[in-house]
Amino acid sequence: MPNHRKPIRVMLVDCRPLVLKGLHDLINARKPRMEVSGEASTYTNALDLADQLHPNVILFSFFPDALNPLEVVAGLARSAETKVLVLKGLYEAVPFVQAIEAGARGIVLAEDPTESIIQAIIKAHHHNSGLDRAWVGGLSGYAASVHTPLRCNLERAKQARLTLRERELIRAIVGDPSAKYVSIAGRLGISEHTVHNHLSNIYQKLDLINRIDLLMYALKHGLINNEEPPKSIRGERD
């Protein structure tokens, strides 16, 4: 069992000073729950620091370097006490499937709300199972390979709590995963603030963390193909 009284030690791996500074401030603002234990701007330094510091969670970015990033992820993930989360920008190409196979516990979208990054760190640290995140670059093929009929009553119960508006929002996001929230809001005729509120409710109802989780979940469970909502939410709009 993890000791919740000890801070989660987070190591940062990125070649951009501004990104490192932003993540450093974000994480250290959550003391004593978590703190930055080290920062690396090259993959060689990352491997050396990880051996010295034994961090609980590593936020790892892909960038040009002499070492292969997937091999570095595999090296960092060898330690049972260390969980690797890949941090990617919305338009950055990251081989997400290979990263998960190499040992990464998840992929965190940099453009998501800062609290989503914090929650991803907490969940990665306190859960032994992999988070199995994925991103849009190959989600269609991934979904085709893992999709099975929904059998779990728990998942049915979760989905039955979704309102019609929340289902519309899910379809809009999966239909255009790279769309900005303001664009989605315009198409649905609601404010961007309302979009964020609905997303927060969706994450809570489906036990998800962020937009990447939602894409993965919707495709894996065929949620966007369920045009007929459960009886419990028919007639409910917002």
C-alpha atoms as a PDB file:
ATOM      1  CA  MET A   1       0.000   0.000   0.000  1.00  0.00           C
ATOM      2  CA  PRO A   2       1.370   3.460  -0.855  1.00  0.00           C
ATOM      3  CA  ASN A   3       2.079   5.865   1.943  1.00  0.00           C
ATOM      4  CA  HIS A   4      -0.230   8.793   1.255  1.00  0.00           C
ATOM      5  CA  ARG A   5       1.583  10.937   3.819  1.00  0.00           C
ATOM      6  CA  LYS A   6       4.730  11.057   1.734  1.00  0.00           C
ATOM      7  CA  PRO A   7       4.796  13.488  -1.209  1.00  0.00           C
ATOM      8  CA  ILE A   8       4.696  12.009  -4.688  1.00  0.00           C
ATOM      9  CA  ARG A   9       8.165  12.568  -6.143  1.00  0.00           C
ATOM     10  CA  VAL A  10       7.821  13.732  -9.744  1.00  0.00           C
ATOM     11  CA  MET A  11      10.667  13.969 -12.244  1.00  0.00           C
ATOM     12  CA  LEU A  12      10.335  16.128 -15.377  1.00  0.00           C
ATOM     13  CA  VAL A  13      11.894  15.274 -18.749  1.00  0.00           C
ATOM     14  CA  ASP A  14      11.659  17.983 -21.432  1.00  0.00           C
ATOM     15  CA  CYS A  15      14.097  20.001 -23.527  1.00  0.00           C
ATOM     16  CA  ARG A  16      12.095  23.258 -23.293  1.00  0.00           C
ATOM     17  CA  PRO A  17      12.963  25.502 -20.322  1.00  0.00           C
ATOM     18  CA  LEU A  18       9.539  27.178 -20.324  1.00  0.00           C
ATOM     19  CA  VAL A  19       7.740  23.842 -20.191  1.00  0.00           C
ATOM     20  CA  LEU A  20       9.964  22.655 -17.367  1.00  0.00           C
ATOM     21  CA  LYS A  21       9.336  25.890 -15.453  1.00  0.00           C
ATOM     22  CA  GLY A  22       5.581  25.648 -15.917  1.00  0.00           C
ATOM     23  CA  LEU A  23       5.421  22.020 -14.802  1.00  0.00           C
ATOM     24  CA  HIS A  24       7.754  22.716 -11.891  1.00  0.00           C
ATOM     25  CA  ASP A  25       5.529  25.521 -10.603  1.00  0.00           C
ATOM     26  CA  LEU A  26       2.349  23.510 -11.192  1.00  0.00           C
ATOM     27  CA  ILE A  27       3.536  20.472  -9.260  1.00  0.00           C
ATOM     28  CA  ASN A  28       5.304  22.259  -6.422  1.00  0.00           C
ATOM     29  CA  ALA A  29       2.161  24.341  -5.855  1.00  0.00           C
ATOM     30  CA  ARG A  30       0.587  21.035  -4.694  1.00  0.00           C
ATOM     31  CA  LYS A  31       3.035  20.504  -1.833  1.00  0.00           C
ATOM     32  CA  PRO A  32       3.010  18.548   0.421  1.00  0.00           C
ATOM     33  CA  ARG A  33       1.006  16.124  -1.749  1.00  0.00           C
ATOM     34  CA  MET A  34       3.608  16.140  -4.519  1.00  0.00           C
ATOM     35  CA  GLU A  35       6.885  17.796  -5.400  1.00  0.00           C
ATOM     36  CA  VAL A  36       9.430  17.951  -8.231  1.00  0.00           C
ATOM     37  CA  SER A  37      12.400  15.756  -7.366  1.00  0.00           C
ATOM     38  CA  GLY A  38      14.440  16.494 -10.495  1.00  0.00           C
ATOM     39  CA  GLU A  39      14.496  17.842 -14.049  1.00  0.00           C
ATOM     40  CA  ALA A  40      16.278  16.562 -17.157  1.00  0.00           C
ATOM     41  CA  SER A  41      16.640  18.238 -20.553  1.00  0.00           C
ATOM     42  CA  THR A  42      18.384  15.284 -22.262  1.00  0.00           C
ATOM     43  CA  TYR A  43      17.545  11.586 -22.239  1.00  0.00           C
ATOM     44  CA  THR A  44      20.975  10.604 -20.945  1.00  0.00           C
ATOM     45  CA  ASN A  45      20.494  12.938 -17.999  1.00  0.00           C
ATOM     46  CA  ALA A  46      16.998  11.529 -17.461  1.00  0.00           C
ATOM     47  CA  LEU A  47      18.298   7.973 -17.138  1.00  0.00           C
ATOM     48  CA  ASP A  48      21.066   9.054 -14.765  1.00  0.00           C
ATOM     49  CA  LEU A  49      18.722  11.140 -12.596  1.00  0.00           C
ATOM     50  CA  ALA A  50      16.117   8.394 -12.400  1.00  0.00           C
ATOM     51  CA  ASP A  51      18.780   5.989 -11.082  1.00  0.00           C
ATOM     52  CA  GLN A  52      19.816   8.538  -8.455  1.00  0.00           C
ATOM     53  CA  LEU A  53      16.427   9.921  -7.405  1.00  0.00           C
ATOM     54  CA  HIS A  54      14.053   6.963  -7.778  1.00  0.00           C
ATOM     55  CA  PRO A  55      11.052   9.188  -8.581  1.00  0.00           C
ATOM     56  CA  ASN A  56       7.490   7.905  -8.210  1.00  0.00           C
ATOM     57  CA  VAL A  57       6.235   9.464 -11.450  1.00  0.00           C
ATOM     58  CA  ILE A  58       8.098  10.768 -14.511  1.00  0.00           C
ATOM     59  CA  LEU A  59       6.472  13.267 -16.876  1.00  0.00           C
ATOM     60  CA  PHE A  60       8.214  12.455 -20.144  1.00  0.00           C
ATOM     61  CA  SER A  61       8.199  14.474 -23.386  1.00  0.00           C
ATOM     62  CA  PHE A  62       9.323  13.275 -26.815  1.00  0.00           C
ATOM     63  CA  PHE A  63      11.959  15.531 -28.411  1.00  0.00           C
ATOM     64  CA  PRO A  64      15.007  15.259 -30.710  1.00  0.00           C
ATOM     65  CA  ASP A  65      17.876  13.603 -28.880  1.00  0.00           C
ATOM     66  CA  ALA A  66      20.761  11.222 -29.525  1.00  0.00           C
ATOM     67  CA  LEU A  67      18.889   8.432 -27.726  1.00  0.00           C
ATOM     68  CA  ASN A  68      15.718   6.726 -28.933  1.00  0.00           C
ATOM     69  CA  PRO A  69      12.854   8.017 -26.726  1.00  0.00           C
ATOM     70  CA  LEU A  70      11.032   4.675 -26.760  1.00  0.00           C
ATOM     71  CA  GLU A  71      14.148   2.924 -25.489  1.00  0.00           C
ATOM     72  CA  VAL A  72      14.472   5.588 -22.810  1.00  0.00           C
ATOM     73  CA  VAL A  73      10.833   5.064 -21.759  1.00  0.00           C
ATOM     74  CA  ALA A  74      11.524   1.334 -21.499  1.00  0.00           C
ATOM     75  CA  GLY A  75      14.609   2.018 -19.402  1.00  0.00           C
ATOM     76  CA  LEU A  76      12.790   4.389 -17.067  1.00  0.00           C
ATOM     77  CA  ALA A  77       9.826   2.034 -16.701  1.00  0.00           C
ATOM     78  CA  ARG A  78      11.962  -0.917 -15.587  1.00  0.00           C
ATOM     79  CA  SER A  79      11.773   0.265 -11.995  1.00  0.00           C
ATOM     80  CA  ALA A  80       8.624  -1.043 -10.305  1.00  0.00           C
ATOM     81  CA  GLU A  81       8.388   2.089  -8.168  1.00  0.00           C
ATOM     82  CA  THR A  82       8.456   4.497 -11.130  1.00  0.00           C
ATOM     83  CA  LYS A  83       5.456   5.254 -13.363  1.00  0.00           C
ATOM     84  CA  VAL A  84       6.089   7.031 -16.680  1.00  0.00           C
ATOM     85  CA  LEU A  85       3.485   9.425 -18.086  1.00  0.00           C
ATOM     86  CA  VAL A  86       4.093  10.803 -21.580  1.00  0.00           C
ATOM     87  CA  LEU A  87       3.265  14.504 -21.929  1.00  0.00           C
ATOM     88  CA  LYS A  88       2.277  15.569 -25.453  1.00  0.00           C
ATOM     89  CA  GLY A  89       0.926  18.643 -27.165  1.00  0.00           C
ATOM     90  CA  LEU A  90      -2.314  18.448 -29.121  1.00  0.00           C
ATOM     91  CA  TYR A  91      -0.540  18.574 -32.491  1.00  0.00           C
ATOM     92  CA  GLU A  92       2.627  16.672 -31.544  1.00  0.00           C
ATOM     93  CA  ALA A  93       3.138  13.280 -33.160  1.00  0.00           C
ATOM     94  CA  VAL A  94       3.813  10.695 -30.483  1.00  0.00           C
ATOM     95  CA  PRO A  95       3.873   6.907 -31.094  1.00  0.00           C
ATOM     96  CA  PHE A  96       1.396   6.286 -28.307  1.00  0.00           C
ATOM     97  CA  VAL A  97       0.923   2.535 -28.835  1.00  0.00           C
ATOM     98  CA  GLN A  98       4.675   1.935 -28.816  1.00  0.00           C
ATOM     99  CA  ALA A  99       5.040   4.152 -25.737  1.00  0.00           C
ATOM    100  CA  ILE A 100       2.468   2.090 -23.842  1.00  0.00           C
ATOM    101  CA  GLU A 101       4.144  -1.117 -25.007  1.00  0.00           C
ATOM    102  CA  ALA A 102       7.500   0.278 -23.835  1.00  0.00           C
ATOM    103  CA  GLY A 103       6.079   0.693 -20.338  1.00  0.00           C
ATOM    104  CA  ALA A 104       4.458   4.138 -20.150  1.00  0.00           C
ATOM    105  CA  ARG A 105       1.428   4.176 -17.852  1.00  0.00           C
ATOM    106  CA  GLY A 106      -0.359   6.875 -19.799  1.00  0.00           C
ATOM    107  CA  ILE A 107      -0.327   9.867 -22.090  1.00  0.00           C
ATOM    108  CA  VAL A 108      -1.302  13.279 -20.737  1.00  0.00           C
ATOM    109  CA  LEU A 109      -2.436  16.035 -23.064  1.00  0.00           C
ATOM    110  CA  ALA A 110      -0.595  19.289 -22.313  1.00  0.00           C
ATOM    111  CA  GLU A 111      -3.575  21.400 -23.418  1.00  0.00           C
ATOM    112  CA  ASP A 112      -5.938  19.828 -20.879  1.00  0.00           C
ATOM    113  CA  PRO A 113      -6.725  21.722 -17.639  1.00  0.00           C
ATOM    114  CA  THR A 114      -3.838  21.689 -15.199  1.00  0.00           C
ATOM    115  CA  GLU A 115      -5.906  19.747 -12.674  1.00  0.00           C
ATOM    116  CA  SER A 116      -6.144  16.887 -15.184  1.00  0.00           C
ATOM    117  CA  ILE A 117      -2.349  16.620 -15.188  1.00  0.00           C
ATOM    118  CA  ILE A 118      -2.323  16.598 -11.389  1.00  0.00           C
ATOM    119  CA  GLN A 119      -4.992  13.890 -11.249  1.00  0.00           C
ATOM    120  CA  ALA A 120      -3.126  11.795 -13.829  1.00  0.00           C
ATOM    121  CA  ILE A 121      -0.003  11.927 -11.649  1.00  0.00           C
ATOM    122  CA  ILE A 122      -1.969  10.899  -8.556  1.00  0.00           C
ATOM    123  CA  LYS A 123      -3.776   8.077 -10.340  1.00  0.00           C
ATOM    124  CA  ALA A 124      -0.594   6.751 -11.938  1.00  0.00           C
ATOM    125  CA  HIS A 125       1.179   6.729  -8.583  1.00  0.00           C
ATOM    126  CA  HIS A 126      -1.555   5.110  -6.514  1.00  0.00           C
ATOM    127  CA  HIS A 127      -2.743   2.496  -9.027  1.00  0.00           C
ATOM    128  CA  ASN A 128      -0.724  -0.558  -9.911  1.00  0.00           C
ATOM    129  CA  SER A 129      -2.469  -1.243 -13.203  1.00  0.00           C
ATOM    130  CA  GLY A 130      -1.559   0.605 -16.375  1.00  0.00           C
ATOM    131  CA  LEU A 131      -3.737   3.534 -17.408  1.00  0.00           C
ATOM    132  CA  ASP A 132      -3.706   2.466 -21.078  1.00  0.00           C
ATOM    133  CA  ARG A 133      -4.003   5.959 -22.535  1.00  0.00           C
ATOM    134  CA  ALA A 134      -4.045   6.488 -26.305  1.00  0.00           C
ATOM    135  CA  TRP A 135      -4.300   9.413 -28.677  1.00  0.00           C
ATOM    136  CA  VAL A 136      -6.035  10.202 -31.923  1.00  0.00           C
ATOM    137  CA  GLY A 137      -3.129   9.453 -34.282  1.00  0.00           C
ATOM    138  CA  GLY A 138      -4.136   5.797 -34.435  1.00  0.00           C
ATOM    139  CA  LEU A 139      -7.221   5.478 -32.317  1.00  0.00           C
ATOM    140  CA  SER A 140      -9.436   4.209 -35.136  1.00  0.00           C
ATOM    141  CA  GLY A 141      -7.172   1.229 -35.762  1.00  0.00           C
ATOM    142  CA  TYR A 142      -6.632   0.696 -32.064  1.00  0.00           C
ATOM    143  CA  ALA A 143     -10.381   0.734 -31.374  1.00  0.00           C
ATOM    144  CA  ALA A 144     -11.022  -1.780 -34.129  1.00  0.00           C
ATOM    145  CA  SER A 145      -8.531  -4.165 -32.544  1.00  0.00           C
ATOM    146  CA  VAL A 146      -9.867  -3.919 -28.975  1.00  0.00           C
ATOM    147  CA  HIS A 147     -13.603  -3.312 -29.409  1.00  0.00           C
ATOM    148  CA  THR A 148     -15.815  -6.002 -27.878  1.00  0.00           C
ATOM    149  CA  PRO A 149     -19.535  -5.964 -27.011  1.00  0.00           C
ATOM    150  CA  LEU A 150     -20.184  -4.225 -23.721  1.00  0.00           C
ATOM    151  CA  ARG A 151     -20.729  -6.900 -21.086  1.00  0.00           C
ATOM    152  CA  CYS A 152     -19.982  -5.161 -17.835  1.00  0.00           C
ATOM    153  CA  ASN A 153     -23.052  -4.024 -15.904  1.00  0.00           C
ATOM    154  CA  LEU A 154     -20.908  -1.455 -14.149  1.00  0.00           C
ATOM    155  CA  GLU A 155     -20.064   0.228 -17.443  1.00  0.00           C
ATOM    156  CA  ARG A 156     -23.731   0.166 -18.482  1.00  0.00           C
ATOM    157  CA  ALA A 157     -24.655   1.811 -15.213  1.00  0.00           C
ATOM    158  CA  LYS A 158     -22.035   4.520 -15.728  1.00  0.00           C
ATOM    159  CA  GLN A 159     -23.236   5.259 -19.256  1.00  0.00           C
ATOM    160  CA  ALA A 160     -26.876   5.354 -18.210  1.00  0.00           C
ATOM    161  CA  ARG A 161     -26.061   8.422 -16.115  1.00  0.00           C
ATOM    162  CA  LEU A 162     -25.023  10.446 -19.172  1.00  0.00           C
ATOM    163  CA  THR A 163     -27.476  13.089 -20.349  1.00  0.00           C
ATOM    164  CA  LEU A 164     -28.362  13.560 -24.015  1.00  0.00           C
ATOM    165  CA  ARG A 165     -26.276  16.749 -24.109  1.00  0.00           C
ATOM    166  CA  GLU A 166     -23.279  14.926 -22.661  1.00  0.00           C
ATOM    167  CA  ARG A 167     -23.655  12.224 -25.321  1.00  0.00           C
ATOM    168  CA  GLU A 168     -23.799  14.904 -28.013  1.00  0.00           C
ATOM    169  CA  LEU A 169     -20.590  16.386 -26.642  1.00  0.00           C
ATOM    170  CA  ILE A 170     -18.874  12.988 -26.668  1.00  0.00           C
ATOM    171  CA  ARG A 171     -19.852  12.452 -30.309  1.00  0.00           C
ATOM    172  CA  ALA A 172     -18.601  15.940 -31.213  1.00  0.00           C
ATOM    173  CA  ILE A 173     -15.211  15.339 -29.570  1.00  0.00           C
ATOM    174  CA  VAL A 174     -14.701  11.883 -31.067  1.00  0.00           C
ATOM    175  CA  GLY A 175     -15.868  13.123 -34.459  1.00  0.00           C
ATOM    176  CA  ASP A 176     -13.208  15.851 -34.485  1.00  0.00           C
ATOM    177  CA  PRO A 177     -10.605  15.051 -31.789  1.00  0.00           C
ATOM    178  CA  SER A 178      -8.345  18.000 -32.655  1.00  0.00           C
ATOM    179  CA  ALA A 179     -11.131  20.612 -32.451  1.00  0.00           C
ATOM    180  CA  LYS A 180     -10.753  23.334 -29.858  1.00  0.00           C
ATOM    181  CA  TYR A 181     -13.404  23.553 -27.156  1.00  0.00           C
ATOM    182  CA  VAL A 182     -14.605  26.937 -28.409  1.00  0.00           C
ATOM    183  CA  SER A 183     -15.278  25.375 -31.819  1.00  0.00           C
ATOM    184  CA  ILE A 184     -17.202  22.482 -30.275  1.00  0.00           C
ATOM    185  CA  ALA A 185     -19.203  24.945 -28.194  1.00  0.00           C
ATOM    186  CA  GLY A 186     -20.174  26.876 -31.309  1.00  0.00           C
ATOM    187  CA  ARG A 187     -21.382  23.761 -33.091  1.00  0.00           C
ATOM    188  CA  LEU A 188     -23.492  22.684 -30.121  1.00  0.00           C
ATOM    189  CA  GLY A 189     -24.860  26.177 -29.500  1.00  0.00           C
ATOM    190  CA  ILE A 190     -23.517  26.411 -25.958  1.00  0.00           C
ATOM    191  CA  SER A 191     -20.763  28.396 -24.244  1.00  0.00           C
ATOM    192  CA  GLU A 192     -17.197  27.138 -23.856  1.00  0.00           C
ATOM    193  CA  HIS A 193     -17.716  27.317 -20.087  1.00  0.00           C
ATOM    194  CA  THR A 194     -20.688  24.948 -20.431  1.00  0.00           C
ATOM    195  CA  VAL A 195     -18.569  22.561 -22.506  1.00  0.00           C
ATOM    196  CA  HIS A 196     -16.012  22.384 -19.690  1.00  0.00           C
ATOM    197  CA  ASN A 197     -18.781  21.836 -17.120  1.00  0.00           C
ATOM    198  CA  HIS A 198     -20.270  18.997 -19.149  1.00  0.00           C
ATOM    199  CA  LEU A 199     -16.833  17.437 -19.637  1.00  0.00           C
ATOM    200  CA  SER A 200     -16.192  17.565 -15.910  1.00  0.00           C
ATOM    201  CA  ASN A 201     -19.481  15.727 -15.327  1.00  0.00           C
ATOM    202  CA  ILE A 202     -18.648  13.163 -18.020  1.00  0.00           C
ATOM    203  CA  TYR A 203     -15.210  12.474 -16.519  1.00  0.00           C
ATOM    204  CA  GLN A 204     -16.781  11.979 -13.093  1.00  0.00           C
ATOM    205  CA  LYS A 205     -19.585   9.710 -14.319  1.00  0.00           C
ATOM    206  CA  LEU A 206     -17.296   7.489 -16.418  1.00  0.00           C
ATOM    207  CA  ASP A 207     -14.341   7.582 -13.999  1.00  0.00           C
ATOM    208  CA  LEU A 208     -12.029   9.228 -16.530  1.00  0.00           C
ATOM    209  CA  ILE A 209      -9.279  11.825 -16.215  1.00  0.00           C
ATOM    210  CA  ASN A 210      -9.137  13.803 -19.438  1.00  0.00           C
ATOM    211  CA  ARG A 211      -9.946  14.088 -23.135  1.00  0.00           C
ATOM    212  CA  ILE A 212      -7.593  11.271 -24.061  1.00  0.00           C
ATOM    213  CA  ASP A 213      -9.415   8.968 -21.633  1.00  0.00           C
ATOM    214  CA  LEU A 214     -12.732   9.970 -23.171  1.00  0.00           C
ATOM    215  CA  LEU A 215     -11.598   9.210 -26.730  1.00  0.00           C
ATOM    216  CA  MET A 216     -10.223   5.849 -25.643  1.00  0.00           C
ATOM    217  CA  TYR A 217     -13.329   4.947 -23.656  1.00  0.00           C
ATOM    218  CA  ALA A 218     -15.846   6.018 -26.313  1.00  0.00           C
ATOM    219  CA  LEU A 219     -14.136   4.042 -29.054  1.00  0.00           C
ATOM    220  CA  LYS A 220     -13.346   0.976 -26.963  1.00  0.00           C
ATOM    221  CA  HIS A 221     -16.888   0.655 -25.635  1.00  0.00           C
ATOM    222  CA  GLY A 222     -18.684   1.721 -28.811  1.00  0.00           C
ATOM    223  CA  LEU A 223     -20.291   4.595 -26.946  1.00  0.00           C
ATOM    224  CA  ILE A 224     -20.628   6.814 -30.022  1.00  0.00           C
ATOM    225  CA  ASN A 225     -22.526   4.069 -31.837  1.00  0.00           C
ATOM    226  CA  ASN A 226     -25.218   3.942 -29.176  1.00  0.00           C
ATOM    227  CA  GLU A 227     -27.606   6.391 -30.805  1.00  0.00           C
ATOM    228  CA  GLU A 228     -30.534   5.215 -28.666  1.00  0.00           C
ATOM    229  CA  PRO A 229     -29.877   6.312 -25.072  1.00  0.00           C
ATOM    230  CA  PRO A 230     -30.955   4.246 -22.082  1.00  0.00           C
ATOM    231  CA  LYS A 231     -34.555   4.772 -20.914  1.00  0.00           C
ATOM    232  CA  SER A 232     -33.327   6.446 -17.761  1.00  0.00           C
ATOM    233  CA  ILE A 233     -32.111   9.511 -19.701  1.00  0.00           C
ATOM    234  CA  ARG A 234     -34.654   9.767 -22.550  1.00  0.00           C
ATOM    235  CA  GLY A 235     -36.246  13.162 -22.598  1.00  0.00           C
ATOM    236  CA  GLU A 236     -33.368  14.665 -20.610  1.00  0.00           C
ATOM    237  CA  ARG A 237     -31.414  17.339 -22.486  1.00  0.00           C
ATOM    238  CA  ASP A 238     -28.946  19.196 -20.322  1.00  0.00           C
END
